[in-house]
Amino acid sequence: MSLDVTVRGTTIPPEELSWRFSRSAGPGGQSVNTTDSRVELSYDLANSTVLPPVYQERALRALASRLADGTAAPPPPRRPTKPSRAARERRLAEKRRTAQIKRLRRPDDW
């Protein structure tokens, strides 16, 4: 198996690619006992030797707002917030409703 990646006829050698493997985030559920893996492929566009300069400059211009020094810019910092009182009350009311539904499913001798 070749590790070269071809995009629109241009082959990018594996030395210019960065692979990262991890487990997918998310809650459990029906697939809780399976491994959901994720693969991230990174490419340093600014330091690439494969693309012709014309295409490289065009891509860098098109992605300028999303790139910082040839790599992805960090996300903005999260501003800490608290849920409103109404949101907390809605969440607790929904929990009470769910508990009541489950209670009604039980047999009478519980």
PDB file of N, CA and C in Angstrom:
ATOM      1  N   MET A   1       0.850  -1.186   0.000  1.00  0.00           N
ATOM      2  CA  MET A   1       0.000   0.000   0.000  1.00  0.00           C
ATOM      3  C   MET A   1       0.893   1.246   0.000  1.00  0.00           C
ATOM      4  N   SER A   2       0.600   2.173  -0.866  1.00  0.00           N
ATOM      5  CA  SER A   2       1.367   3.404  -0.978  1.00  0.00           C
ATOM      6  C   SER A   2       0.791   4.460  -0.042  1.00  0.00           C
ATOM      7  N   LEU A   3       1.660   5.234   0.597  1.00  0.00           N
ATOM      8  CA  LEU A   3       1.220   6.301   1.486  1.00  0.00           C
ATOM      9  C   LEU A   3       1.119   7.645   0.770  1.00  0.00           C
ATOM     10  N   ASP A   4       1.435   7.660  -0.533  1.00  0.00           N
ATOM     11  CA  ASP A   4       1.291   8.892  -1.306  1.00  0.00           C
ATOM     12  C   ASP A   4      -0.188   9.254  -1.410  1.00  0.00           C
ATOM     13  N   VAL A   5      -0.465  10.543  -1.368  1.00  0.00           N
ATOM     14  CA  VAL A   5      -1.834  11.037  -1.528  1.00  0.00           C
ATOM     15  C   VAL A   5      -1.869  11.846  -2.813  1.00  0.00           C
ATOM     16  N   THR A   6      -2.828  11.524  -3.676  1.00  0.00           N
ATOM     17  CA  THR A   6      -2.965  12.236  -4.941  1.00  0.00           C
ATOM     18  C   THR A   6      -4.207  13.111  -4.894  1.00  0.00           C
ATOM     19  N   VAL A   7      -4.004  14.401  -5.177  1.00  0.00           N
ATOM     20  CA  VAL A   7      -5.102  15.361  -5.191  1.00  0.00           C
ATOM     21  C   VAL A   7      -5.082  16.069  -6.533  1.00  0.00           C
ATOM     22  N   ARG A   8      -6.133  15.870  -7.317  1.00  0.00           N
ATOM     23  CA  ARG A   8      -6.272  16.490  -8.638  1.00  0.00           C
ATOM     24  C   ARG A   8      -5.020  16.318  -9.492  1.00  0.00           C
ATOM     25  N   GLY A   9      -4.484  15.102  -9.500  1.00  0.00           N
ATOM     26  CA  GLY A   9      -3.350  14.789 -10.348  1.00  0.00           C
ATOM     27  C   GLY A   9      -1.988  15.100  -9.752  1.00  0.00           C
ATOM     28  N   THR A  10      -1.940  15.773  -8.608  1.00  0.00           N
ATOM     29  CA  THR A  10      -0.670  16.077  -7.952  1.00  0.00           C
ATOM     30  C   THR A  10      -0.472  15.097  -6.801  1.00  0.00           C
ATOM     31  N   THR A  11       0.659  14.390  -6.812  1.00  0.00           N
ATOM     32  CA  THR A  11       0.951  13.418  -5.765  1.00  0.00           C
ATOM     33  C   THR A  11       1.784  14.084  -4.672  1.00  0.00           C
ATOM     34  N   ILE A  12       1.278  14.002  -3.450  1.00  0.00           N
ATOM     35  CA  ILE A  12       1.971  14.578  -2.293  1.00  0.00           C
ATOM     36  C   ILE A  12       2.715  13.443  -1.602  1.00  0.00           C
ATOM     37  N   PRO A  13       4.030  13.553  -1.464  1.00  0.00           N
ATOM     38  CA  PRO A  13       4.793  12.471  -0.834  1.00  0.00           C
ATOM     39  C   PRO A  13       4.497  12.376   0.663  1.00  0.00           C
ATOM     40  N   PRO A  14       4.672  11.186   1.255  1.00  0.00           N
ATOM     41  CA  PRO A  14       4.352  11.001   2.678  1.00  0.00           C
ATOM     42  C   PRO A  14       5.176  11.879   3.616  1.00  0.00           C
ATOM     43  N   GLU A  15       6.364  12.317   3.193  1.00  0.00           N
ATOM     44  CA  GLU A  15       7.190  13.166   4.066  1.00  0.00           C
ATOM     45  C   GLU A  15       6.529  14.515   4.350  1.00  0.00           C
ATOM     46  N   GLU A  16       5.644  14.967   3.467  1.00  0.00           N
ATOM     47  CA  GLU A  16       4.998  16.270   3.647  1.00  0.00           C
ATOM     48  C   GLU A  16       3.651  16.160   4.361  1.00  0.00           C
ATOM     49  N   LEU A  17       3.279  14.949   4.742  1.00  0.00           N
ATOM     50  CA  LEU A  17       1.999  14.726   5.404  1.00  0.00           C
ATOM     51  C   LEU A  17       2.220  14.351   6.861  1.00  0.00           C
ATOM     52  N   SER A  18       1.266  14.717   7.678  1.00  0.00           N
ATOM     53  CA  SER A  18       1.306  14.363   9.089  1.00  0.00           C
ATOM     54  C   SER A  18      -0.004  13.651   9.431  1.00  0.00           C
ATOM     55  N   TRP A  19       0.098  12.402   9.865  1.00  0.00           N
ATOM     56  CA  TRP A  19      -1.070  11.597  10.206  1.00  0.00           C
ATOM     57  C   TRP A  19      -1.225  11.565  11.715  1.00  0.00           C
ATOM     58  N   ARG A  20      -2.463  11.643  12.184  1.00  0.00           N
ATOM     59  CA  ARG A  20      -2.740  11.538  13.619  1.00  0.00           C
ATOM     60  C   ARG A  20      -3.957  10.643  13.803  1.00  0.00           C
ATOM     61  N   PHE A  21      -3.810   9.636  14.642  1.00  0.00           N
ATOM     62  CA  PHE A  21      -4.889   8.680  14.894  1.00  0.00           C
ATOM     63  C   PHE A  21      -5.354   8.837  16.337  1.00  0.00           C
ATOM     64  N   SER A  22      -6.673   8.819  16.535  1.00  0.00           N
ATOM     65  CA  SER A  22      -7.216   8.946  17.886  1.00  0.00           C
ATOM     66  C   SER A  22      -8.603   8.325  17.922  1.00  0.00           C
ATOM     67  N   ARG A  23      -9.157   8.273  19.118  1.00  0.00           N
ATOM     68  CA  ARG A  23     -10.511   7.770  19.269  1.00  0.00           C
ATOM     69  C   ARG A  23     -11.483   8.917  19.048  1.00  0.00           C
ATOM     70  N   SER A  24     -12.576   8.633  18.383  1.00  0.00           N
ATOM     71  CA  SER A  24     -13.577   9.664  18.137  1.00  0.00           C
ATOM     72  C   SER A  24     -14.237  10.070  19.439  1.00  0.00           C
ATOM     73  N   ALA A  25     -14.535  11.323  19.562  1.00  0.00           N
ATOM     74  CA  ALA A  25     -15.218  11.826  20.754  1.00  0.00           C
ATOM     75  C   ALA A  25     -16.702  11.563  20.626  1.00  0.00           C
ATOM     76  N   GLY A  26     -17.388  11.616  21.718  1.00  0.00           N
ATOM     77  CA  GLY A  26     -18.834  11.484  21.685  1.00  0.00           C
ATOM     78  C   GLY A  26     -19.313  10.533  22.758  1.00  0.00           C
ATOM     79  N   PRO A  27     -20.568  10.617  23.105  1.00  0.00           N
ATOM     80  CA  PRO A  27     -21.117   9.758  24.151  1.00  0.00           C
ATOM     81  C   PRO A  27     -21.285   8.330  23.660  1.00  0.00           C
ATOM     82  N   GLY A  28     -21.561   7.452  24.598  1.00  0.00           N
ATOM     83  CA  GLY A  28     -21.820   6.049  24.255  1.00  0.00           C
ATOM     84  C   GLY A  28     -23.180   5.907  23.600  1.00  0.00           C
ATOM     85  N   GLY A  29     -23.619   4.722  23.483  1.00  0.00           N
ATOM     86  CA  GLY A  29     -24.898   4.461  22.836  1.00  0.00           C
ATOM     87  C   GLY A  29     -24.879   3.037  22.337  1.00  0.00           C
ATOM     88  N   GLN A  30     -25.499   2.800  21.205  1.00  0.00           N
ATOM     89  CA  GLN A  30     -25.535   1.444  20.686  1.00  0.00           C
ATOM     90  C   GLN A  30     -24.144   0.941  20.328  1.00  0.00           C
ATOM     91  N   SER A  31     -23.248   1.828  19.958  1.00  0.00           N
ATOM     92  CA  SER A  31     -21.913   1.391  19.571  1.00  0.00           C
ATOM     93  C   SER A  31     -20.901   1.643  20.688  1.00  0.00           C
ATOM     94  N   VAL A  32     -21.369   1.609  21.941  1.00  0.00           N
ATOM     95  CA  VAL A  32     -20.498   1.956  23.060  1.00  0.00           C
ATOM     96  C   VAL A  32     -19.356   0.961  23.237  1.00  0.00           C
ATOM     97  N   ASN A  33     -19.546  -0.294  22.862  1.00  0.00           N
ATOM     98  CA  ASN A  33     -18.490  -1.285  23.050  1.00  0.00           C
ATOM     99  C   ASN A  33     -17.645  -1.492  21.804  1.00  0.00           C
ATOM    100  N   THR A  34     -17.685  -0.577  20.884  1.00  0.00           N
ATOM    101  CA  THR A  34     -16.861  -0.673  19.684  1.00  0.00           C
ATOM    102  C   THR A  34     -15.857   0.472  19.688  1.00  0.00           C
ATOM    103  N   THR A  35     -14.834   0.350  18.903  1.00  0.00           N
ATOM    104  CA  THR A  35     -13.832   1.401  18.805  1.00  0.00           C
ATOM    105  C   THR A  35     -14.145   2.270  17.601  1.00  0.00           C
ATOM    106  N   ASP A  36     -14.461   3.510  17.843  1.00  0.00           N
ATOM    107  CA  ASP A  36     -14.698   4.467  16.772  1.00  0.00           C
ATOM    108  C   ASP A  36     -13.428   5.292  16.628  1.00  0.00           C
ATOM    109  N   SER A  37     -12.651   5.002  15.606  1.00  0.00           N
ATOM    110  CA  SER A  37     -11.377   5.692  15.466  1.00  0.00           C
ATOM    111  C   SER A  37     -11.489   6.835  14.466  1.00  0.00           C
ATOM    112  N   ARG A  38     -10.551   7.764  14.594  1.00  0.00           N
ATOM    113  CA  ARG A  38     -10.554   8.945  13.748  1.00  0.00           C
ATOM    114  C   ARG A  38      -9.135   9.136  13.216  1.00  0.00           C
ATOM    115  N   VAL A  39      -9.034   9.587  11.983  1.00  0.00           N
ATOM    116  CA  VAL A  39      -7.740   9.869  11.378  1.00  0.00           C
ATOM    117  C   VAL A  39      -7.735  11.317  10.919  1.00  0.00           C
ATOM    118  N   GLU A  40      -6.686  12.054  11.308  1.00  0.00           N
ATOM    119  CA  GLU A  40      -6.535  13.433  10.873  1.00  0.00           C
ATOM    120  C   GLU A  40      -5.285  13.510  10.011  1.00  0.00           C
ATOM    121  N   LEU A  41      -5.419  14.099   8.849  1.00  0.00           N
ATOM    122  CA  LEU A  41      -4.305  14.244   7.927  1.00  0.00           C
ATOM    123  C   LEU A  41      -4.001  15.734   7.786  1.00  0.00           C
ATOM    124  N   SER A  42      -2.763  16.117   8.126  1.00  0.00           N
ATOM    125  CA  SER A  42      -2.349  17.519   8.037  1.00  0.00           C
ATOM    126  C   SER A  42      -1.322  17.683   6.934  1.00  0.00           C
ATOM    127  N   TYR A  43      -1.348  18.858   6.331  1.00  0.00           N
ATOM    128  CA  TYR A  43      -0.452  19.148   5.213  1.00  0.00           C
ATOM    129  C   TYR A  43       0.035  20.574   5.363  1.00  0.00           C
ATOM    130  N   ASP A  44       1.350  20.767   5.413  1.00  0.00           N
ATOM    131  CA  ASP A  44       1.935  22.099   5.559  1.00  0.00           C
ATOM    132  C   ASP A  44       2.040  22.741   4.179  1.00  0.00           C
ATOM    133  N   LEU A  45       1.030  23.487   3.823  1.00  0.00           N
ATOM    134  CA  LEU A  45       0.925  24.087   2.494  1.00  0.00           C
ATOM    135  C   LEU A  45       2.042  25.099   2.229  1.00  0.00           C
ATOM    136  N   ALA A  46       2.396  25.883   3.235  1.00  0.00           N
ATOM    137  CA  ALA A  46       3.392  26.941   3.032  1.00  0.00           C
ATOM    138  C   ALA A  46       4.782  26.381   2.732  1.00  0.00           C
ATOM    139  N   ASN A  47       5.125  25.227   3.268  1.00  0.00           N
ATOM    140  CA  ASN A  47       6.458  24.654   3.083  1.00  0.00           C
ATOM    141  C   ASN A  47       6.474  23.495   2.098  1.00  0.00           C
ATOM    142  N   SER A  48       5.434  23.343   1.319  1.00  0.00           N
ATOM    143  CA  SER A  48       5.357  22.243   0.364  1.00  0.00           C
ATOM    144  C   SER A  48       6.320  22.459  -0.802  1.00  0.00           C
ATOM    145  N   THR A  49       6.924  21.365  -1.245  1.00  0.00           N
ATOM    146  CA  THR A  49       7.819  21.425  -2.404  1.00  0.00           C
ATOM    147  C   THR A  49       7.170  20.843  -3.648  1.00  0.00           C
ATOM    148  N   VAL A  50       5.970  20.319  -3.509  1.00  0.00           N
ATOM    149  CA  VAL A  50       5.297  19.622  -4.602  1.00  0.00           C
ATOM    150  C   VAL A  50       4.500  20.564  -5.501  1.00  0.00           C
ATOM    151  N   LEU A  51       3.774  21.487  -4.888  1.00  0.00           N
ATOM    152  CA  LEU A  51       2.899  22.366  -5.668  1.00  0.00           C
ATOM    153  C   LEU A  51       3.705  23.422  -6.412  1.00  0.00           C
ATOM    154  N   PRO A  52       3.304  23.729  -7.649  1.00  0.00           N
ATOM    155  CA  PRO A  52       3.918  24.857  -8.352  1.00  0.00           C
ATOM    156  C   PRO A  52       3.624  26.145  -7.582  1.00  0.00           C
ATOM    157  N   PRO A  53       4.552  27.100  -7.599  1.00  0.00           N
ATOM    158  CA  PRO A  53       4.364  28.342  -6.822  1.00  0.00           C
ATOM    159  C   PRO A  53       3.047  29.055  -7.106  1.00  0.00           C
ATOM    160  N   VAL A  54       2.579  29.012  -8.340  1.00  0.00           N
ATOM    161  CA  VAL A  54       1.314  29.693  -8.677  1.00  0.00           C
ATOM    162  C   VAL A  54       0.161  29.088  -7.881  1.00  0.00           C
ATOM    163  N   TYR A  55       0.082  27.750  -7.841  1.00  0.00           N
ATOM    164  CA  TYR A  55      -0.995  27.079  -7.112  1.00  0.00           C
ATOM    165  C   TYR A  55      -0.831  27.258  -5.609  1.00  0.00           C
ATOM    166  N   GLN A  56       0.395  27.234  -5.155  1.00  0.00           N
ATOM    167  CA  GLN A  56       0.665  27.385  -3.730  1.00  0.00           C
ATOM    168  C   GLN A  56       0.230  28.775  -3.252  1.00  0.00           C
ATOM    169  N   GLU A  57       0.574  29.807  -3.995  1.00  0.00           N
ATOM    170  CA  GLU A  57       0.176  31.168  -3.624  1.00  0.00           C
ATOM    171  C   GLU A  57      -1.338  31.335  -3.667  1.00  0.00           C
ATOM    172  N   ARG A  58      -1.964  30.750  -4.695  1.00  0.00           N
ATOM    173  CA  ARG A  58      -3.423  30.850  -4.814  1.00  0.00           C
ATOM    174  C   ARG A  58      -4.109  30.174  -3.620  1.00  0.00           C
ATOM    175  N   ALA A  59      -3.620  28.991  -3.248  1.00  0.00           N
ATOM    176  CA  ALA A  59      -4.208  28.271  -2.117  1.00  0.00           C
ATOM    177  C   ALA A  59      -3.980  29.028  -0.815  1.00  0.00           C
ATOM    178  N   LEU A  60      -2.794  29.572  -0.626  1.00  0.00           N
ATOM    179  CA  LEU A  60      -2.515  30.330   0.596  1.00  0.00           C
ATOM    180  C   LEU A  60      -3.394  31.571   0.697  1.00  0.00           C
ATOM    181  N   ARG A  61      -3.628  32.244  -0.448  1.00  0.00           N
ATOM    182  CA  ARG A  61      -4.513  33.415  -0.447  1.00  0.00           C
ATOM    183  C   ARG A  61      -5.948  33.010  -0.116  1.00  0.00           C
ATOM    184  N   ALA A  62      -6.406  31.897  -0.702  1.00  0.00           N
ATOM    185  CA  ALA A  62      -7.785  31.456  -0.482  1.00  0.00           C
ATOM    186  C   ALA A  62      -8.006  31.015   0.970  1.00  0.00           C
ATOM    187  N   LEU A  63      -6.968  30.472   1.589  1.00  0.00           N
ATOM    188  CA  LEU A  63      -7.098  29.954   2.950  1.00  0.00           C
ATOM    189  C   LEU A  63      -6.506  30.896   3.996  1.00  0.00           C
ATOM    190  N   ALA A  64      -6.194  32.111   3.626  1.00  0.00           N
ATOM    191  CA  ALA A  64      -5.500  33.039   4.520  1.00  0.00           C
ATOM    192  C   ALA A  64      -6.223  33.244   5.849  1.00  0.00           C
ATOM    193  N   SER A  65      -7.536  33.294   5.823  1.00  0.00           N
ATOM    194  CA  SER A  65      -8.262  33.534   7.072  1.00  0.00           C
ATOM    195  C   SER A  65      -8.298  32.300   7.964  1.00  0.00           C
ATOM    196  N   ARG A  66      -7.960  31.136   7.407  1.00  0.00           N
ATOM    197  CA  ARG A  66      -8.007  29.894   8.177  1.00  0.00           C
ATOM    198  C   ARG A  66      -6.624  29.370   8.549  1.00  0.00           C
ATOM    199  N   LEU A  67      -5.569  30.005   8.045  1.00  0.00           N
ATOM    200  CA  LEU A  67      -4.213  29.526   8.294  1.00  0.00           C
ATOM    201  C   LEU A  67      -3.393  30.560   9.044  1.00  0.00           C
ATOM    202  N   ALA A  68      -2.459  30.072   9.844  1.00  0.00           N
ATOM    203  CA  ALA A  68      -1.504  30.945  10.528  1.00  0.00           C
ATOM    204  C   ALA A  68      -0.130  30.313  10.369  1.00  0.00           C
ATOM    205  N   ASP A  69       0.757  30.941   9.643  1.00  0.00           N
ATOM    206  CA  ASP A  69       2.101  30.419   9.387  1.00  0.00           C
ATOM    207  C   ASP A  69       2.068  29.036   8.742  1.00  0.00           C
ATOM    208  N   GLY A  70       1.090  28.783   7.887  1.00  0.00           N
ATOM    209  CA  GLY A  70       1.026  27.515   7.170  1.00  0.00           C
ATOM    210  C   GLY A  70       0.317  26.410   7.913  1.00  0.00           C
ATOM    211  N   THR A  71      -0.088  26.661   9.143  1.00  0.00           N
ATOM    212  CA  THR A  71      -0.824  25.639   9.919  1.00  0.00           C
ATOM    213  C   THR A  71      -2.140  26.244  10.355  1.00  0.00           C
ATOM    214  N   ALA A  72      -3.037  25.408  10.818  1.00  0.00           N
ATOM    215  CA  ALA A  72      -4.362  25.859  11.229  1.00  0.00           C
ATOM    216  C   ALA A  72      -4.255  26.795  12.434  1.00  0.00           C
ATOM    217  N   ALA A  73      -5.011  27.877  12.411  1.00  0.00           N
ATOM    218  CA  ALA A  73      -5.015  28.831  13.515  1.00  0.00           C
ATOM    219  C   ALA A  73      -5.735  28.227  14.714  1.00  0.00           C
ATOM    220  N   PRO A  74      -5.328  28.588  15.943  1.00  0.00           N
ATOM    221  CA  PRO A  74      -6.004  28.034  17.119  1.00  0.00           C
ATOM    222  C   PRO A  74      -7.409  28.623  17.235  1.00  0.00           C
ATOM    223  N   PRO A  75      -8.333  27.873  17.809  1.00  0.00           N
ATOM    224  CA  PRO A  75      -9.689  28.410  17.976  1.00  0.00           C
ATOM    225  C   PRO A  75      -9.682  29.538  19.001  1.00  0.00           C
ATOM    226  N   PRO A  76     -10.648  30.449  18.923  1.00  0.00           N
ATOM    227  CA  PRO A  76     -10.691  31.534  19.908  1.00  0.00           C
ATOM    228  C   PRO A  76     -10.938  30.952  21.300  1.00  0.00           C
ATOM    229  N   PRO A  77     -10.436  31.600  22.342  1.00  0.00           N
ATOM    230  CA  PRO A  77     -10.621  31.071  23.699  1.00  0.00           C
ATOM    231  C   PRO A  77     -12.093  31.090  24.090  1.00  0.00           C
ATOM    232  N   ARG A  78     -12.499  30.103  24.858  1.00  0.00           N
ATOM    233  CA  ARG A  78     -13.891  29.996  25.288  1.00  0.00           C
ATOM    234  C   ARG A  78     -14.132  30.974  26.433  1.00  0.00           C
ATOM    235  N   ARG A  79     -15.234  31.679  26.334  1.00  0.00           N
ATOM    236  CA  ARG A  79     -15.611  32.588  27.404  1.00  0.00           C
ATOM    237  C   ARG A  79     -16.500  31.834  28.382  1.00  0.00           C
ATOM    238  N   PRO A  80     -16.078  31.665  29.629  1.00  0.00           N
ATOM    239  CA  PRO A  80     -16.886  30.874  30.570  1.00  0.00           C
ATOM    240  C   PRO A  80     -18.253  31.514  30.804  1.00  0.00           C
ATOM    241  N   THR A  81     -19.276  30.696  30.803  1.00  0.00           N
ATOM    242  CA  THR A  81     -20.630  31.174  31.067  1.00  0.00           C
ATOM    243  C   THR A  81     -21.322  30.192  32.000  1.00  0.00           C
ATOM    244  N   LYS A  82     -22.423  30.628  32.577  1.00  0.00           N
ATOM    245  CA  LYS A  82     -23.229  29.758  33.430  1.00  0.00           C
ATOM    246  C   LYS A  82     -24.596  29.618  32.786  1.00  0.00           C
ATOM    247  N   PRO A  83     -25.243  28.455  32.952  1.00  0.00           N
ATOM    248  CA  PRO A  83     -26.605  28.341  32.431  1.00  0.00           C
ATOM    249  C   PRO A  83     -27.544  29.263  33.212  1.00  0.00           C
ATOM    250  N   SER A  84     -28.525  29.782  32.517  1.00  0.00           N
ATOM    251  CA  SER A  84     -29.480  30.675  33.180  1.00  0.00           C
ATOM    252  C   SER A  84     -30.363  29.870  34.133  1.00  0.00           C
ATOM    253  N   ARG A  85     -31.036  30.585  35.003  1.00  0.00           N
ATOM    254  CA  ARG A  85     -31.935  29.914  35.954  1.00  0.00           C
ATOM    255  C   ARG A  85     -33.045  29.173  35.207  1.00  0.00           C
ATOM    256  N   ALA A  86     -33.586  29.797  34.180  1.00  0.00           N
ATOM    257  CA  ALA A  86     -34.654  29.161  33.400  1.00  0.00           C
ATOM    258  C   ALA A  86     -34.141  27.890  32.727  1.00  0.00           C
ATOM    259  N   ALA A  87     -32.911  27.922  32.227  1.00  0.00           N
ATOM    260  CA  ALA A  87     -32.341  26.733  31.577  1.00  0.00           C
ATOM    261  C   ALA A  87     -32.174  25.600  32.585  1.00  0.00           C
ATOM    262  N   ARG A  88     -31.717  25.949  33.802  1.00  0.00           N
ATOM    263  CA  ARG A  88     -31.570  24.911  34.839  1.00  0.00           C
ATOM    264  C   ARG A  88     -32.930  24.321  35.203  1.00  0.00           C
ATOM    265  N   GLU A  89     -33.934  25.191  35.315  1.00  0.00           N
ATOM    266  CA  GLU A  89     -35.278  24.697  35.656  1.00  0.00           C
ATOM    267  C   GLU A  89     -35.847  23.820  34.544  1.00  0.00           C
ATOM    268  N   ARG A  90     -35.635  24.196  33.273  1.00  0.00           N
ATOM    269  CA  ARG A  90     -36.097  23.351  32.154  1.00  0.00           C
ATOM    270  C   ARG A  90     -35.426  21.985  32.174  1.00  0.00           C
ATOM    271  N   ARG A  91     -34.111  21.984  32.461  1.00  0.00           N
ATOM    272  CA  ARG A  91     -33.376  20.718  32.501  1.00  0.00           C
ATOM    273  C   ARG A  91     -33.916  19.821  33.620  1.00  0.00           C
ATOM    274  N   LEU A  92     -34.152  20.393  34.803  1.00  0.00           N
ATOM    275  CA  LEU A  92     -34.662  19.601  35.920  1.00  0.00           C
ATOM    276  C   LEU A  92     -36.089  19.127  35.659  1.00  0.00           C
ATOM    277  N   ALA A  93     -36.922  19.967  35.032  1.00  0.00           N
ATOM    278  CA  ALA A  93     -38.286  19.560  34.706  1.00  0.00           C
ATOM    279  C   ALA A  93     -38.276  18.397  33.706  1.00  0.00           C
ATOM    280  N   GLU A  94     -37.371  18.451  32.733  1.00  0.00           N
ATOM    281  CA  GLU A  94     -37.261  17.362  31.756  1.00  0.00           C
ATOM    282  C   GLU A  94     -36.792  16.079  32.437  1.00  0.00           C
ATOM    283  N   LYS A  95     -35.880  16.204  33.388  1.00  0.00           N
ATOM    284  CA  LYS A  95     -35.422  15.025  34.131  1.00  0.00           C
ATOM    285  C   LYS A  95     -36.575  14.411  34.931  1.00  0.00           C
ATOM    286  N   ARG A  96     -37.401  15.278  35.553  1.00  0.00           N
ATOM    287  CA  ARG A  96     -38.551  14.766  36.315  1.00  0.00           C
ATOM    288  C   ARG A  96     -39.543  14.058  35.388  1.00  0.00           C
ATOM    289  N   ARG A  97     -39.775  14.643  34.192  1.00  0.00           N
ATOM    290  CA  ARG A  97     -40.673  14.028  33.212  1.00  0.00           C
ATOM    291  C   ARG A  97     -40.152  12.657  32.780  1.00  0.00           C
ATOM    292  N   THR A  98     -38.858  12.573  32.491  1.00  0.00           N
ATOM    293  CA  THR A  98     -38.258  11.310  32.067  1.00  0.00           C
ATOM    294  C   THR A  98     -38.353  10.273  33.181  1.00  0.00           C
ATOM    295  N   ALA A  99     -38.076  10.677  34.420  1.00  0.00           N
ATOM    296  CA  ALA A  99     -38.168   9.755  35.554  1.00  0.00           C
ATOM    297  C   ALA A  99     -39.595   9.250  35.723  1.00  0.00           C
ATOM    298  N   GLN A 100     -40.575  10.133  35.554  1.00  0.00           N
ATOM    299  CA  GLN A 100     -41.982   9.740  35.684  1.00  0.00           C
ATOM    300  C   GLN A 100     -42.356   8.722  34.605  1.00  0.00           C
ATOM    301  N   ILE A 101     -41.910   8.945  33.368  1.00  0.00           N
ATOM    302  CA  ILE A 101     -42.200   8.006  32.276  1.00  0.00           C
ATOM    303  C   ILE A 101     -41.605   6.639  32.598  1.00  0.00           C
ATOM    304  N   LYS A 102     -40.378   6.615  33.095  1.00  0.00           N
ATOM    305  CA  LYS A 102     -39.740   5.342  33.425  1.00  0.00           C
ATOM    306  C   LYS A 102     -40.441   4.678  34.609  1.00  0.00           C
ATOM    307  N   ARG A 103     -40.880   5.488  35.579  1.00  0.00           N
ATOM    308  CA  ARG A 103     -41.596   4.942  36.731  1.00  0.00           C
ATOM    309  C   ARG A 103     -42.892   4.269  36.284  1.00  0.00           C
ATOM    310  N   LEU A 104     -43.576   4.860  35.315  1.00  0.00           N
ATOM    311  CA  LEU A 104     -44.838   4.299  34.828  1.00  0.00           C
ATOM    312  C   LEU A 104     -44.634   3.006  34.044  1.00  0.00           C
ATOM    313  N   ARG A 105     -43.439   2.768  33.530  1.00  0.00           N
ATOM    314  CA  ARG A 105     -43.164   1.528  32.799  1.00  0.00           C
ATOM    315  C   ARG A 105     -42.953   0.334  33.723  1.00  0.00           C
ATOM    316  N   ARG A 106     -42.668   0.613  34.987  1.00  0.00           N
ATOM    317  CA  ARG A 106     -42.372  -0.475  35.927  1.00  0.00           C
ATOM    318  C   ARG A 106     -43.633  -1.240  36.265  1.00  0.00           C
ATOM    319  N   PRO A 107     -43.451  -2.516  36.611  1.00  0.00           N
ATOM    320  CA  PRO A 107     -44.604  -3.270  37.103  1.00  0.00           C
ATOM    321  C   PRO A 107     -45.051  -2.724  38.461  1.00  0.00           C
ATOM    322  N   ASP A 108     -46.269  -3.011  38.852  1.00  0.00           N
ATOM    323  CA  ASP A 108     -46.833  -2.462  40.100  1.00  0.00           C
ATOM    324  C   ASP A 108     -46.159  -3.005  41.352  1.00  0.00           C
ATOM    325  N   ASP A 109     -45.547  -4.180  41.273  1.00  0.00           N
ATOM    326  CA  ASP A 109     -44.985  -4.788  42.484  1.00  0.00           C
ATOM    327  C   ASP A 109     -43.581  -4.314  42.804  1.00  0.00           C
ATOM    328  N   TRP A 110     -43.091  -3.284  42.183  1.00  0.00           N
ATOM    329  CA  TRP A 110     -41.742  -2.785  42.490  1.00  0.00           C
ATOM    330  C   TRP A 110     -41.766  -1.912  43.685  1.00  0.00           C
TER     331      TRP A 110
END
